Amino acid sequence: MAGEKHIDQAVVKLAAYLDSNLPAKLRAVETAQSLSTNDLTDPVDVLAHRAPFDNRSPLVEVFDQGWTFEQQRMNLLSVDCTVAVTYVSDANLAGAEQFMRRYMTALIDCINGDTTLGNTVTTCILRDGSSAVGRGDNSTTRYVYTQGVDVHVYAGD
């Protein structure tokens, strides 16, 4: 992962951080909710790109939506990232929505727990989220929740 710069740095570092740290936060939510271990299944993969037609479940995608320079003279770049979590459920739709809300709690707690992603970025700022995203397969048992994250990176030489 050496050599990432600017936009790629933000996406790659956020995806790598979630890949390493999200499972522990899922276990913490299970404990807090008196669930059994692995009721909140670990992601089958954490991708650093869009994959709207990948129906593996649960799947985490991290991708950029845009960017802006916060302080151009100091090379501080803010990358508008989206973290999408996809889950394919059985016919228990109420259970699937509860699963997704708990999953997003773990995701939010994971990013809030270390907003510098292990000192690999300047900071992460959580923004808007959505539980009503339609992308890829639009089956009634396929859920996609998203969380917006502004990832600030030093875009030096």
Protein backbone atom coordinates (compact mmCIF):
# COMPACT_ATOMS: atom_id res chain seq x y z
CA MET A 1 0.00 0.00 0.00
CA ALA A 2 2.96 2.32 -0.33
CA GLY A 3 2.74 5.28 -2.64
CA GLU A 4 -0.96 6.15 -2.35
CA LYS A 5 -1.48 9.83 -2.86
CA HIS A 6 -4.38 12.23 -2.60
CA ILE A 7 -7.74 10.58 -3.34
CA ASP A 8 -6.34 7.05 -3.47
CA GLN A 9 -4.73 7.52 -0.06
CA ALA A 10 -8.06 8.40 1.56
CA VAL A 11 -9.98 5.50 0.00
CA VAL A 12 -7.29 2.87 0.51
CA LYS A 13 -6.54 3.87 4.12
CA LEU A 14 -10.23 3.93 5.11
CA ALA A 15 -10.86 0.52 3.51
CA ALA A 16 -7.77 -1.00 5.15
CA TYR A 17 -8.74 0.41 8.54
CA LEU A 18 -12.26 -1.00 8.32
CA ASP A 19 -10.95 -4.37 7.14
CA SER A 20 -8.71 -4.60 10.22
CA ASN A 21 -10.95 -3.04 12.87
CA LEU A 22 -14.63 -3.53 11.99
CA PRO A 23 -14.84 -7.16 13.22
CA ALA A 24 -13.91 -6.11 16.78
CA LYS A 25 -16.61 -3.43 16.75
CA LEU A 26 -19.15 -5.97 15.48
CA ARG A 27 -18.28 -8.17 18.49
CA ALA A 28 -18.74 -5.15 20.80
CA VAL A 29 -22.23 -4.47 19.39
CA GLU A 30 -23.10 -8.17 19.79
CA THR A 31 -22.06 -8.00 23.43
CA ALA A 32 -23.98 -4.77 24.04
CA GLN A 33 -27.11 -6.24 22.45
CA SER A 34 -26.76 -9.64 24.19
CA LEU A 35 -26.38 -11.40 20.85
CA SER A 36 -24.40 -14.54 20.14
CA THR A 37 -20.86 -14.20 18.81
CA ASN A 38 -20.86 -13.82 15.01
CA ASP A 39 -24.57 -12.94 14.79
CA LEU A 40 -23.24 -9.84 13.03
CA THR A 41 -21.24 -11.63 10.39
CA ASP A 42 -17.81 -10.24 9.54
CA PRO A 43 -17.63 -8.70 6.06
CA VAL A 44 -16.85 -11.21 3.31
CA ASP A 45 -14.67 -8.46 1.86
CA VAL A 46 -13.84 -4.79 2.22
CA LEU A 47 -13.30 -3.28 -1.22
CA ALA A 48 -11.62 0.02 -2.08
CA HIS A 49 -13.92 0.55 -5.06
CA ARG A 50 -17.55 0.43 -6.18
CA ALA A 51 -19.02 -3.01 -6.76
CA PRO A 52 -22.80 -2.52 -7.05
CA PHE A 53 -23.46 -5.91 -8.62
CA ASP A 54 -21.35 -7.95 -6.18
CA ASN A 55 -23.96 -9.87 -4.19
CA ARG A 56 -21.64 -11.33 -1.57
CA SER A 57 -22.96 -10.57 1.87
CA PRO A 58 -22.21 -8.68 4.01
CA LEU A 59 -19.94 -6.66 1.75
CA VAL A 60 -18.28 -3.32 2.53
CA GLU A 61 -17.28 -0.95 -0.27
CA VAL A 62 -15.31 2.28 0.15
CA PHE A 63 -15.18 4.75 -2.73
CA ASP A 64 -14.80 8.46 -3.41
CA GLN A 65 -17.58 10.82 -4.46
CA GLY A 66 -15.47 13.96 -4.87
CA TRP A 67 -12.82 16.04 -3.16
CA THR A 68 -11.85 19.56 -2.30
CA PHE A 69 -8.79 21.34 -1.00
CA GLU A 70 -9.40 22.54 2.56
CA GLN A 71 -6.10 24.43 2.64
CA GLN A 72 -4.44 24.33 -0.77
CA ARG A 73 -1.27 26.11 0.36
CA MET A 74 -0.84 23.51 3.10
CA ASN A 75 -1.90 20.65 0.78
CA LEU A 76 -4.81 19.53 2.98
CA LEU A 77 -7.28 17.62 0.83
CA SER A 78 -10.76 16.50 1.94
CA VAL A 79 -12.02 13.42 0.11
CA ASP A 80 -15.78 12.80 0.18
CA CYS A 81 -15.87 9.02 0.73
CA THR A 82 -18.84 6.70 0.91
CA VAL A 83 -18.85 3.45 2.83
CA ALA A 84 -21.57 1.15 1.49
CA VAL A 85 -22.61 -1.98 3.37
CA THR A 86 -24.59 -4.56 1.41
CA TYR A 87 -26.51 -7.40 3.04
CA VAL A 88 -28.66 -10.08 1.42
CA SER A 89 -31.23 -11.45 3.85
CA ASP A 90 -33.79 -14.18 3.96
CA ALA A 91 -37.53 -13.39 4.10
CA ASN A 92 -37.25 -11.85 7.59
CA LEU A 93 -37.16 -8.23 6.42
CA ALA A 94 -37.59 -6.74 9.91
CA GLY A 95 -34.66 -8.82 11.14
CA ALA A 96 -32.56 -7.70 8.17
CA GLU A 97 -33.21 -4.03 8.92
CA GLN A 98 -32.24 -4.56 12.56
CA PHE A 99 -29.08 -6.39 11.41
CA MET A 100 -28.17 -3.43 9.19
CA ARG A 101 -28.79 -0.83 11.91
CA ARG A 102 -26.54 -2.77 14.28
CA TYR A 103 -23.93 -3.17 11.54
CA MET A 104 -23.93 0.58 10.91
CA THR A 105 -23.59 1.20 14.66
CA ALA A 106 -20.41 -0.89 14.60
CA LEU A 107 -19.17 0.93 11.49
CA ILE A 108 -19.77 4.36 13.02
CA ASP A 109 -18.17 3.29 16.31
CA CYS A 110 -15.19 1.93 14.39
CA ILE A 111 -14.48 5.24 12.63
CA ASN A 112 -15.28 7.34 15.72
CA GLY A 113 -12.90 5.19 17.75
CA ASP A 114 -9.88 6.43 15.80
CA THR A 115 -10.58 9.33 13.46
CA THR A 116 -6.98 9.29 12.21
CA LEU A 117 -7.29 5.64 11.16
CA GLY A 118 -4.18 4.65 13.05
CA ASN A 119 -2.37 7.88 12.16
CA THR A 120 -2.63 7.17 8.42
CA VAL A 121 -4.84 10.20 7.62
CA THR A 122 -5.26 13.66 9.13
CA THR A 123 -8.84 13.09 10.28
CA CYS A 124 -12.19 11.51 9.38
CA ILE A 125 -15.47 13.36 9.82
CA LEU A 126 -18.67 11.33 9.69
CA ARG A 127 -21.43 12.93 7.65
CA ASP A 128 -24.76 11.82 6.30
CA GLY A 129 -25.91 8.23 6.08
CA SER A 130 -28.74 6.49 4.26
CA SER A 131 -30.74 3.33 4.74
CA ALA A 132 -32.61 3.64 1.45
CA VAL A 133 -29.94 3.30 -1.22
CA GLY A 134 -30.85 1.59 -4.48
CA ARG A 135 -27.90 0.31 -6.50
CA GLY A 136 -27.19 -2.90 -8.34
CA ASP A 137 -29.58 -5.78 -7.74
CA ASN A 138 -32.82 -4.28 -6.42
CA SER A 139 -34.20 -7.43 -4.79
CA THR A 140 -36.45 -6.84 -1.77
CA THR A 141 -34.04 -8.88 0.35
CA ARG A 142 -30.91 -6.92 -0.64
CA TYR A 143 -30.12 -4.01 1.64
CA VAL A 144 -27.60 -1.24 1.01
CA TYR A 145 -26.85 1.26 3.76
CA THR A 146 -24.28 4.01 3.28
CA GLN A 147 -22.24 6.28 5.52
CA GLY A 148 -20.55 9.42 4.27
CA VAL A 149 -17.06 10.15 5.58
CA ASP A 150 -14.91 13.19 4.84
CA VAL A 151 -11.34 11.89 4.94
CA HIS A 152 -8.73 14.62 5.26
CA VAL A 153 -5.28 13.76 3.97
CA TYR A 154 -2.08 15.67 3.64
CA ALA A 155 -1.47 15.72 -0.09
CA GLY A 156 2.18 16.69 0.08
CA ASP A 157 4.84 15.92 -2.46
